[in-house]
């Protein structure tokens, strides 16, 4: 049994590594700004509940939004979780009314959690930090240009949590951030079909980041409890290197073939930072019946340096609410043992979007609703999480592109007695 589990983990880890290298989980023109579209780091349970997590505390599912939650598991359990998603985005350009739709998806994350002792547990995993992916064009003097972007930043984390005193736990994560963000700009003259020049900007990131969390659970009575959670991660100077490559092509009017006439690459150590994060949330739950909660997240991006400047980003504020209901967890009727989930969120993005036509900048916001199910399997210990999200993303005031997402997510959490040894008489 142990051997089979190791093989499964190794195979999924290999698939995830391939997914990271070819990662492109967005088709948003807005991802050309900053580090791209930030991932919310919500796993299956919390994602279907609007993305809440700071107050969630479960012995059977991993909650990476707060490292303080890891110690909720018992000393004999091993958890393994991985998730995938598929999304369709409908985009509409406001000034012209032009419409476009695209589909993408990938293996999102893998994570595991295990006890180190009676009141201490650890978690390891791989998950995204941000996504970049876009392709669009436009006209310029004497020609046109095409802009393409891809890549993103990933994070490999290790965390530990300790039950300090009755209902109170502390935890910390250390993450290794790594990845490449590439922006390409192709110039095409109007009198020929060949490329006249390419400007490529590449950001390579490789650095560490830390996060701290705390949770306190107050038992109101034998069935009801209230949990409050908080997270904090400090501002971090990010070790990033910028590479700028400019290539100029030449071609004759009688031929569409192009040759590189000039190519220059400049490398410099970039001046980048990651914003400090403050998160606060709570849940109120009745044992094996329902859970309701809310989260508030604030990230101080406005004073954070990106490419040496502190005027290109906005502060991020997200508010999320959600809940879960289980009709009867002890029923023989499978439908009554399913976990039914619902949630919603509002997110004021950290991105500051520029409008070349008015020479101004605009804020961006996201509004979303989510629902889902937790389907118990294997004697109700393990669980399949299904989630459906609708997200509307646009600038405020609305002036550029409106994006509407329909996202389906599936995750599987294995719950096993990893450290249990059978005794034979």
Protein backbone atom coordinates (compact mmCIF):
# COMPACT_ATOMS: atom_id res chain seq x y z
CA UNK A 1 0.00 0.00 0.00
CA UNK A 2 2.76 2.45 0.90
CA UNK A 3 4.57 1.68 -2.34
CA UNK A 4 1.44 2.35 -4.40
CA UNK A 5 0.94 5.71 -2.74
CA UNK A 6 4.51 6.75 -3.42
CA UNK A 7 4.11 5.80 -7.09
CA UNK A 8 0.89 7.81 -7.40
CA UNK A 9 2.50 10.87 -5.81
CA UNK A 10 5.57 10.58 -8.05
CA UNK A 11 3.45 10.33 -11.21
CA UNK A 12 1.30 13.32 -10.34
CA UNK A 13 4.39 15.29 -9.35
CA UNK A 14 5.94 14.56 -12.74
CA UNK A 15 2.77 15.65 -14.52
CA UNK A 16 2.71 18.84 -12.49
CA UNK A 17 6.32 19.61 -13.35
CA UNK A 18 5.46 19.31 -17.04
CA UNK A 19 2.45 21.53 -16.45
CA UNK A 20 4.57 24.20 -14.79
CA UNK A 21 6.95 24.35 -17.73
CA UNK A 22 4.10 24.83 -20.20
CA UNK A 23 1.86 26.79 -17.85
CA UNK A 24 -0.69 29.15 -19.38
CA UNK A 25 -3.83 29.38 -17.30
CA UNK A 26 -5.05 32.74 -18.54
CA UNK A 27 -5.86 34.52 -21.77
CA UNK A 28 -6.25 37.98 -20.31
CA UNK A 29 -4.72 41.11 -21.91
CA UNK A 30 -4.65 42.53 -18.38
CA UNK A 31 -1.98 39.97 -17.47
CA UNK A 32 0.59 42.10 -19.33
CA UNK A 33 0.71 44.37 -16.27
CA UNK A 34 2.70 43.72 -13.11
CA UNK A 35 3.35 40.07 -12.30
CA UNK A 36 0.18 39.07 -14.18
CA UNK A 37 -3.04 37.71 -12.70
CA UNK A 38 -2.43 36.65 -9.10
CA UNK A 39 -3.61 33.20 -8.03
CA UNK A 40 -5.82 33.11 -4.94
CA UNK A 41 -4.29 29.88 -3.57
CA UNK A 42 -7.69 28.39 -2.75
CA UNK A 43 -7.96 24.62 -2.77
CA UNK A 44 -11.13 22.64 -3.52
CA UNK A 45 -13.07 23.19 -0.31
CA UNK A 46 -12.51 26.94 0.01
CA UNK A 47 -12.70 27.74 -3.71
CA UNK A 48 -16.36 26.71 -3.96
CA UNK A 49 -17.05 28.87 -0.89
CA UNK A 50 -16.00 32.15 -2.50
CA UNK A 51 -12.32 31.55 -1.77
CA UNK A 52 -12.52 31.85 2.03
CA UNK A 53 -9.86 30.12 4.11
CA UNK A 54 -8.43 32.12 7.01
CA UNK A 55 -11.01 30.70 9.43
CA UNK A 56 -11.37 27.25 7.86
CA UNK A 57 -9.99 24.45 9.96
CA UNK A 58 -10.41 20.84 8.85
CA UNK A 59 -8.80 17.58 9.89
CA UNK A 60 -9.60 16.04 6.48
CA UNK A 61 -8.65 18.70 3.93
CA UNK A 62 -5.62 20.91 3.29
CA UNK A 63 -6.06 24.66 3.68
CA UNK A 64 -2.95 26.41 2.37
CA UNK A 65 -4.44 29.90 2.83
CA UNK A 66 -3.31 29.80 6.45
CA UNK A 67 -0.44 27.62 7.71
CA UNK A 68 -1.97 27.62 11.20
CA UNK A 69 -4.64 25.17 9.99
CA UNK A 70 -2.26 22.24 9.39
CA UNK A 71 -2.24 21.18 13.04
CA UNK A 72 -5.98 20.44 12.91
CA UNK A 73 -5.22 16.91 11.64
CA UNK A 74 -4.78 13.92 13.94
CA UNK A 75 -1.47 12.16 14.48
CA UNK A 76 -2.22 9.13 12.24
CA UNK A 77 -3.54 10.82 9.11
CA UNK A 78 -1.81 11.61 5.82
CA UNK A 79 -3.47 13.98 3.32
CA UNK A 80 -2.65 14.31 -0.36
CA UNK A 81 -4.45 16.83 -2.58
CA UNK A 82 -4.22 17.81 -6.23
CA UNK A 83 -6.46 19.97 -8.40
CA UNK A 84 -7.15 20.75 -12.06
CA UNK A 85 -9.33 23.32 -13.76
CA UNK A 86 -10.86 24.17 -17.12
CA UNK A 87 -12.15 27.62 -17.97
CA UNK A 88 -13.82 29.49 -20.80
CA UNK A 89 -13.41 33.25 -21.09
CA UNK A 90 -15.58 35.60 -23.14
CA UNK A 91 -13.90 38.94 -23.88
CA UNK A 92 -15.53 42.08 -25.28
CA UNK A 93 -13.66 45.21 -26.32
CA UNK A 94 -15.83 48.10 -25.19
CA UNK A 95 -14.88 50.80 -27.76
CA UNK A 96 -15.33 48.53 -30.82
CA UNK A 97 -17.68 45.84 -29.59
CA UNK A 98 -15.32 43.12 -30.86
CA UNK A 99 -15.81 39.75 -29.12
CA UNK A 100 -13.60 36.72 -28.59
CA UNK A 101 -13.72 33.53 -26.52
CA UNK A 102 -10.95 31.12 -25.51
CA UNK A 103 -10.63 27.93 -23.48
CA UNK A 104 -7.68 26.82 -21.36
CA UNK A 105 -6.87 24.79 -18.29
CA UNK A 106 -4.12 22.96 -16.47
CA UNK A 107 -3.07 20.99 -13.43
CA UNK A 108 -3.18 23.66 -10.75
CA UNK A 109 -1.48 22.34 -7.65
CA UNK A 110 -0.34 19.37 -5.63
CA UNK A 111 0.04 19.33 -1.87
CA UNK A 112 0.47 16.93 1.01
CA UNK A 113 0.06 17.20 4.75
CA UNK A 114 1.25 14.91 7.53
CA UNK A 115 1.75 14.92 11.32
CA UNK A 116 5.14 15.38 12.96
CA UNK A 117 3.78 14.65 16.41
CA UNK A 118 0.64 14.87 18.53
CA UNK A 119 0.24 18.65 18.23
CA UNK A 120 2.38 19.50 15.23
CA UNK A 121 1.91 18.95 11.49
CA UNK A 122 3.63 19.89 8.26
CA UNK A 123 2.61 20.55 4.67
CA UNK A 124 4.48 20.56 1.34
CA UNK A 125 3.27 21.58 -2.07
CA UNK A 126 3.59 23.23 -5.47
CA UNK A 127 1.16 25.91 -6.60
CA UNK A 128 1.03 29.03 -8.78
CA UNK A 129 1.69 32.59 -7.64
CA UNK A 130 0.71 34.38 -10.86
CA UNK A 131 -0.24 33.76 -14.50
CA UNK A 132 0.66 35.63 -17.69
CA UNK A 133 -0.92 34.84 -21.04
CA UNK A 134 -2.20 37.14 -23.78
CA UNK A 135 -2.07 37.79 -27.53
CA UNK A 136 -3.47 40.83 -29.29
CA UNK A 137 -2.53 43.39 -31.93
CA UNK A 138 -3.04 46.95 -33.03
CA UNK A 139 -2.08 49.57 -35.59
CA UNK A 140 0.82 52.00 -35.37
CA UNK A 141 2.37 54.52 -37.74
CA UNK A 142 3.27 52.82 -41.05
CA UNK A 143 2.34 49.36 -39.86
CA UNK A 144 1.00 47.21 -37.06
CA UNK A 145 2.22 45.51 -33.92
CA UNK A 146 1.45 42.25 -32.19
CA UNK A 147 1.85 41.77 -28.42
CA UNK A 148 2.28 38.35 -26.86
CA UNK A 149 2.94 37.32 -23.28
CA UNK A 150 3.38 34.04 -21.43
CA UNK A 151 4.72 32.48 -18.27
CA UNK A 152 4.18 33.21 -14.63
CA UNK A 153 5.62 32.72 -11.17
CA UNK A 154 5.29 29.43 -9.27
CA UNK A 155 5.89 28.62 -5.64
CA UNK A 156 7.09 25.51 -3.86
CA UNK A 157 6.20 25.76 -0.18
CA UNK A 158 6.95 23.98 3.08
CA UNK A 159 5.00 24.80 6.21
CA UNK A 160 4.58 23.73 9.80
CA UNK A 161 1.83 24.31 12.36
CA UNK A 162 1.69 23.82 16.13
CA UNK A 163 -1.25 23.62 18.53
CA UNK A 164 0.10 25.99 21.17
CA UNK A 165 -2.75 25.95 23.70
CA UNK A 166 -6.42 24.94 23.85
CA UNK A 167 -7.88 25.97 20.49
CA UNK A 168 -4.94 28.21 19.58
CA UNK A 169 -2.48 27.32 16.83
CA UNK A 170 0.38 29.05 15.02
CA UNK A 171 1.97 28.25 11.68
CA UNK A 172 4.44 29.43 9.07
CA UNK A 173 5.18 28.77 5.41
CA UNK A 174 8.41 29.35 3.54
CA UNK A 175 8.02 29.45 -0.23
CA UNK A 176 10.51 29.33 -3.06
CA UNK A 177 9.28 31.58 -5.86
CA UNK A 178 10.53 30.82 -9.35
CA UNK A 179 9.55 31.32 -12.97
CA UNK A 180 9.79 33.47 -16.08
CA UNK A 181 7.51 36.19 -17.42
CA UNK A 182 8.00 37.00 -21.12
CA UNK A 183 6.54 39.94 -23.06
CA UNK A 184 7.09 40.08 -26.84
CA UNK A 185 6.31 43.00 -29.15
CA UNK A 186 6.41 42.32 -32.93
CA UNK A 187 6.53 45.25 -35.40
CA UNK A 188 5.13 44.58 -38.91
CA UNK A 189 5.49 47.32 -41.60
CA UNK A 190 2.42 48.03 -43.73
CA UNK A 191 4.28 47.56 -47.04
CA UNK A 192 5.41 43.97 -46.43
CA UNK A 193 4.36 40.73 -44.74
CA UNK A 194 7.53 40.17 -42.76
CA UNK A 195 8.47 41.16 -39.24
CA UNK A 196 10.52 44.34 -39.04
CA UNK A 197 11.55 44.06 -35.41
CA UNK A 198 11.04 42.23 -32.11
CA UNK A 199 11.38 43.59 -28.60
CA UNK A 200 11.37 40.92 -25.88
CA UNK A 201 11.32 41.67 -22.17
CA UNK A 202 11.91 38.70 -19.88
CA UNK A 203 11.77 38.67 -16.09
CA UNK A 204 13.38 35.72 -14.32
CA UNK A 205 12.43 35.27 -10.65
CA UNK A 206 14.18 33.09 -8.08
CA UNK A 207 13.75 33.92 -4.38
CA UNK A 208 12.21 32.95 -1.02
CA UNK A 209 9.16 34.32 0.75
CA UNK A 210 7.62 33.70 4.21
CA UNK A 211 4.10 33.77 5.60
CA UNK A 212 2.77 33.49 9.16
CA UNK A 213 -0.65 32.44 10.40
CA UNK A 214 -2.68 32.07 13.58
CA UNK A 215 -6.05 30.50 14.39
CA UNK A 216 -8.16 30.38 17.51
CA UNK A 217 -11.23 28.18 17.94
CA UNK A 218 -13.78 28.91 20.65
CA UNK A 219 -16.22 26.13 21.49
CA UNK A 220 -19.58 27.72 22.15
CA UNK A 221 -21.10 24.39 23.19
CA UNK A 222 -20.68 20.70 22.36
CA UNK A 223 -21.73 21.23 18.72
CA UNK A 224 -21.11 24.88 17.83
CA UNK A 225 -17.74 26.57 17.45
CA UNK A 226 -16.32 29.85 16.23
CA UNK A 227 -12.89 30.09 14.58
CA UNK A 228 -10.99 33.27 13.81
CA UNK A 229 -7.83 33.27 11.71
CA UNK A 230 -5.22 35.77 10.60
CA UNK A 231 -2.25 35.71 8.22
CA UNK A 232 0.64 38.06 7.61
CA UNK A 233 3.48 38.07 5.11
CA UNK A 234 6.01 40.93 5.05
CA UNK A 235 7.04 42.96 2.05
CA UNK A 236 9.88 41.24 0.24
CA UNK A 237 12.57 42.51 -2.12
CA UNK A 238 12.43 40.01 -4.96
CA UNK A 239 15.57 38.69 -6.60
CA UNK A 240 14.72 39.13 -10.27
CA UNK A 241 16.78 39.58 -13.42
CA UNK A 242 15.56 41.48 -16.45
CA UNK A 243 16.58 40.59 -19.98
CA UNK A 244 15.71 42.91 -22.84
CA UNK A 245 16.36 41.72 -26.40
CA UNK A 246 15.90 43.89 -29.49
CA UNK A 247 16.13 42.38 -32.96
CA UNK A 248 15.89 44.31 -36.24
CA UNK A 249 15.10 42.45 -39.47
CA UNK A 250 15.74 43.38 -43.11
CA UNK A 251 13.94 42.14 -46.20
CA UNK A 252 13.69 43.03 -49.87
CA UNK A 253 10.46 44.16 -51.47
CA UNK A 254 10.57 41.15 -53.81
CA UNK A 255 10.85 38.58 -51.03
CA UNK A 256 9.00 37.82 -47.80
CA UNK A 257 12.09 36.32 -46.20
CA UNK A 258 13.62 38.25 -43.32
CA UNK A 259 17.12 38.19 -41.95
CA UNK A 260 18.37 39.44 -38.60
CA UNK A 261 20.23 42.66 -39.25
CA UNK A 262 20.85 43.63 -35.62
CA UNK A 263 20.36 41.89 -32.28
CA UNK A 264 21.13 43.32 -28.83
CA UNK A 265 20.46 41.80 -25.41
CA UNK A 266 20.71 43.77 -22.19
CA UNK A 267 20.77 42.07 -18.79
CA UNK A 268 20.29 43.85 -15.49
CA UNK A 269 19.30 43.05 -11.95
CA UNK A 270 15.72 44.21 -11.58
CA UNK A 271 14.32 46.25 -8.71
CA UNK A 272 11.21 44.27 -7.76
CA UNK A 273 9.22 43.67 -4.59
CA UNK A 274 6.28 41.61 -3.35
CA UNK A 275 3.69 43.44 -1.28
CA UNK A 276 2.97 42.77 2.37
CA UNK A 277 -0.25 40.82 2.98
CA UNK A 278 -2.73 41.09 5.84
CA UNK A 279 -5.62 38.64 6.07
CA UNK A 280 -8.42 38.19 8.60
CA UNK A 281 -11.32 35.76 8.55
CA UNK A 282 -13.74 33.71 10.62
CA UNK A 283 -16.03 30.71 10.43
CA UNK A 284 -18.99 29.65 12.50
CA UNK A 285 -19.84 25.97 12.31
CA UNK A 286 -22.12 23.36 13.75
CA UNK A 287 -20.49 19.95 13.95
CA UNK A 288 -21.03 17.92 10.75
CA UNK A 289 -23.95 20.12 9.63
CA UNK A 290 -22.94 23.57 8.33
CA UNK A 291 -20.13 26.14 8.16
CA UNK A 292 -20.38 29.84 7.24
CA UNK A 293 -17.52 32.32 7.08
CA UNK A 294 -15.95 35.44 5.61
CA UNK A 295 -12.46 36.70 4.73
CA UNK A 296 -10.87 40.10 4.15
CA UNK A 297 -7.47 40.42 2.46
CA UNK A 298 -5.37 43.57 2.06
CA UNK A 299 -2.11 43.77 0.09
CA UNK A 300 -0.01 46.94 0.08
CA UNK A 301 1.02 46.99 -3.60
CA UNK A 302 0.74 50.78 -4.02
CA UNK A 303 4.10 51.43 -2.37
CA UNK A 304 5.71 48.30 -3.80
CA UNK A 305 8.45 48.58 -6.40
CA UNK A 306 7.97 47.00 -9.80
CA UNK A 307 10.80 47.53 -12.30
CA UNK A 308 12.13 50.24 -9.97
CA UNK A 309 8.89 52.27 -9.91
CA UNK A 310 6.28 52.67 -7.17
CA UNK A 311 3.47 54.18 -9.26
CA UNK A 312 2.45 51.24 -11.43
CA UNK A 313 0.34 49.17 -8.99
CA UNK A 314 -2.65 49.62 -6.67
CA UNK A 315 -3.49 48.26 -3.25
CA UNK A 316 -5.46 45.02 -3.42
CA UNK A 317 -8.54 44.40 -1.29
CA UNK A 318 -10.61 41.23 -1.44
CA UNK A 319 -13.76 40.38 0.50
CA UNK A 320 -15.14 36.83 0.34
CA UNK A 321 -18.09 35.04 1.96
CA UNK A 322 -19.15 31.43 1.76
CA UNK A 323 -20.70 28.43 3.40
CA UNK A 324 -21.10 24.66 3.40
CA UNK A 325 -24.06 22.46 4.30
CA UNK A 326 -24.20 18.70 4.97
CA UNK A 327 -27.77 17.34 5.28
CA UNK A 328 -26.86 14.25 7.35
CA UNK A 329 -23.29 12.98 7.43
CA UNK A 330 -24.36 9.68 9.07
CA UNK A 331 -27.15 8.89 6.62
CA UNK A 332 -27.07 5.81 4.39
CA UNK A 333 -28.40 8.05 1.63
CA UNK A 334 -25.33 9.20 -0.29
CA UNK A 335 -26.94 12.49 -1.39
CA UNK A 336 -27.38 13.48 2.23
CA UNK A 337 -23.67 12.97 2.92
CA UNK A 338 -22.59 15.32 0.10
CA UNK A 339 -21.18 18.69 1.13
CA UNK A 340 -23.05 21.51 -0.66
CA UNK A 341 -21.11 24.77 -1.01
CA UNK A 342 -21.81 28.35 -2.07
CA UNK A 343 -19.85 31.60 -2.04
CA UNK A 344 -19.13 35.02 -3.54
CA UNK A 345 -16.30 37.56 -3.60
CA UNK A 346 -15.31 41.09 -4.60
CA UNK A 347 -11.70 41.80 -5.53
CA UNK A 348 -10.14 45.21 -6.15
CA UNK A 349 -7.14 44.14 -8.22
CA UNK A 350 -3.58 45.29 -7.66
CA UNK A 351 -3.20 46.05 -11.37
CA UNK A 352 -3.22 49.62 -12.66
CA UNK A 353 -4.27 49.52 -16.32
CA UNK A 354 -3.16 52.22 -18.76
CA UNK A 355 -5.36 53.59 -21.55
CA UNK A 356 -3.20 54.94 -24.39
CA UNK A 357 -6.15 56.71 -26.06
CA UNK A 358 -6.72 58.98 -23.05
CA UNK A 359 -3.22 58.81 -21.57
CA UNK A 360 -4.70 57.79 -18.23
CA UNK A 361 -4.74 54.82 -15.88
CA UNK A 362 -7.67 52.89 -14.47
CA UNK A 363 -8.33 50.46 -11.66
CA UNK A 364 -9.51 46.91 -12.21
CA UNK A 365 -12.00 44.90 -10.22
CA UNK A 366 -13.38 41.37 -10.17
CA UNK A 367 -16.74 40.09 -8.93
CA UNK A 368 -17.45 36.38 -8.71
CA UNK A 369 -19.84 33.73 -7.41
CA UNK A 370 -19.08 30.07 -6.83
CA UNK A 371 -20.77 26.82 -5.91
CA UNK A 372 -19.70 23.23 -5.59
CA UNK A 373 -19.93 19.84 -3.98
CA UNK A 374 -17.77 17.70 -1.75
CA UNK A 375 -18.31 14.10 -2.79
CA UNK A 376 -17.19 11.57 -0.14
CA UNK A 377 -15.43 8.42 -1.31
CA UNK A 378 -13.72 5.42 0.28
CA UNK A 379 -15.72 5.16 3.51
CA UNK A 380 -16.16 8.95 3.52
CA UNK A 381 -12.53 9.57 4.46
CA UNK A 382 -11.35 10.86 1.08
CA UNK A 383 -13.26 13.42 -0.96
CA UNK A 384 -13.69 14.71 -4.51
CA UNK A 385 -14.28 18.47 -4.65
CA UNK A 386 -16.19 19.88 -7.63
CA UNK A 387 -16.43 23.63 -8.09
CA UNK A 388 -18.01 26.06 -10.55
CA UNK A 389 -17.09 29.76 -10.65
CA UNK A 390 -18.37 32.73 -12.63
CA UNK A 391 -16.09 35.79 -12.61
CA UNK A 392 -16.55 39.21 -14.21
CA UNK A 393 -13.36 41.26 -14.66
CA UNK A 394 -13.26 44.82 -15.98
CA UNK A 395 -11.68 48.21 -15.51
CA UNK A 396 -13.36 51.00 -13.56
CA UNK A 397 -14.63 53.16 -15.07
CA UNK A 398 -15.46 50.58 -17.74
CA UNK A 399 -13.50 51.66 -20.81
CA UNK A 400 -11.37 48.84 -22.19
CA UNK A 401 -12.11 45.09 -22.12
CA UNK A 402 -14.71 43.15 -20.17
CA UNK A 403 -13.88 39.53 -19.36
CA UNK A 404 -16.37 36.90 -18.18
CA UNK A 405 -15.04 33.58 -16.92
CA UNK A 406 -16.78 30.27 -16.36
CA UNK A 407 -14.35 28.01 -14.52
CA UNK A 408 -14.77 24.35 -13.55
CA UNK A 409 -12.38 22.95 -10.95
CA UNK A 410 -11.89 19.39 -9.73
CA UNK A 411 -9.68 18.30 -6.84
CA UNK A 412 -9.13 15.01 -5.09
CA UNK A 413 -8.08 14.72 -1.44
CA UNK A 414 -6.76 11.37 -0.27
CA UNK A 415 -7.13 10.76 3.46
CA UNK A 416 -5.14 7.74 4.64
CA UNK A 417 -3.67 6.18 7.79
CA UNK A 418 -0.19 6.73 6.42
CA UNK A 419 1.66 6.02 9.66
CA UNK A 420 -0.62 3.26 10.92
CA UNK A 421 0.99 -0.17 11.31
CA UNK A 422 -1.09 -3.31 11.45
CA UNK A 423 -0.48 -5.73 14.28
CA UNK A 424 -0.87 -9.45 13.72
CA UNK A 425 -1.21 -11.96 16.50
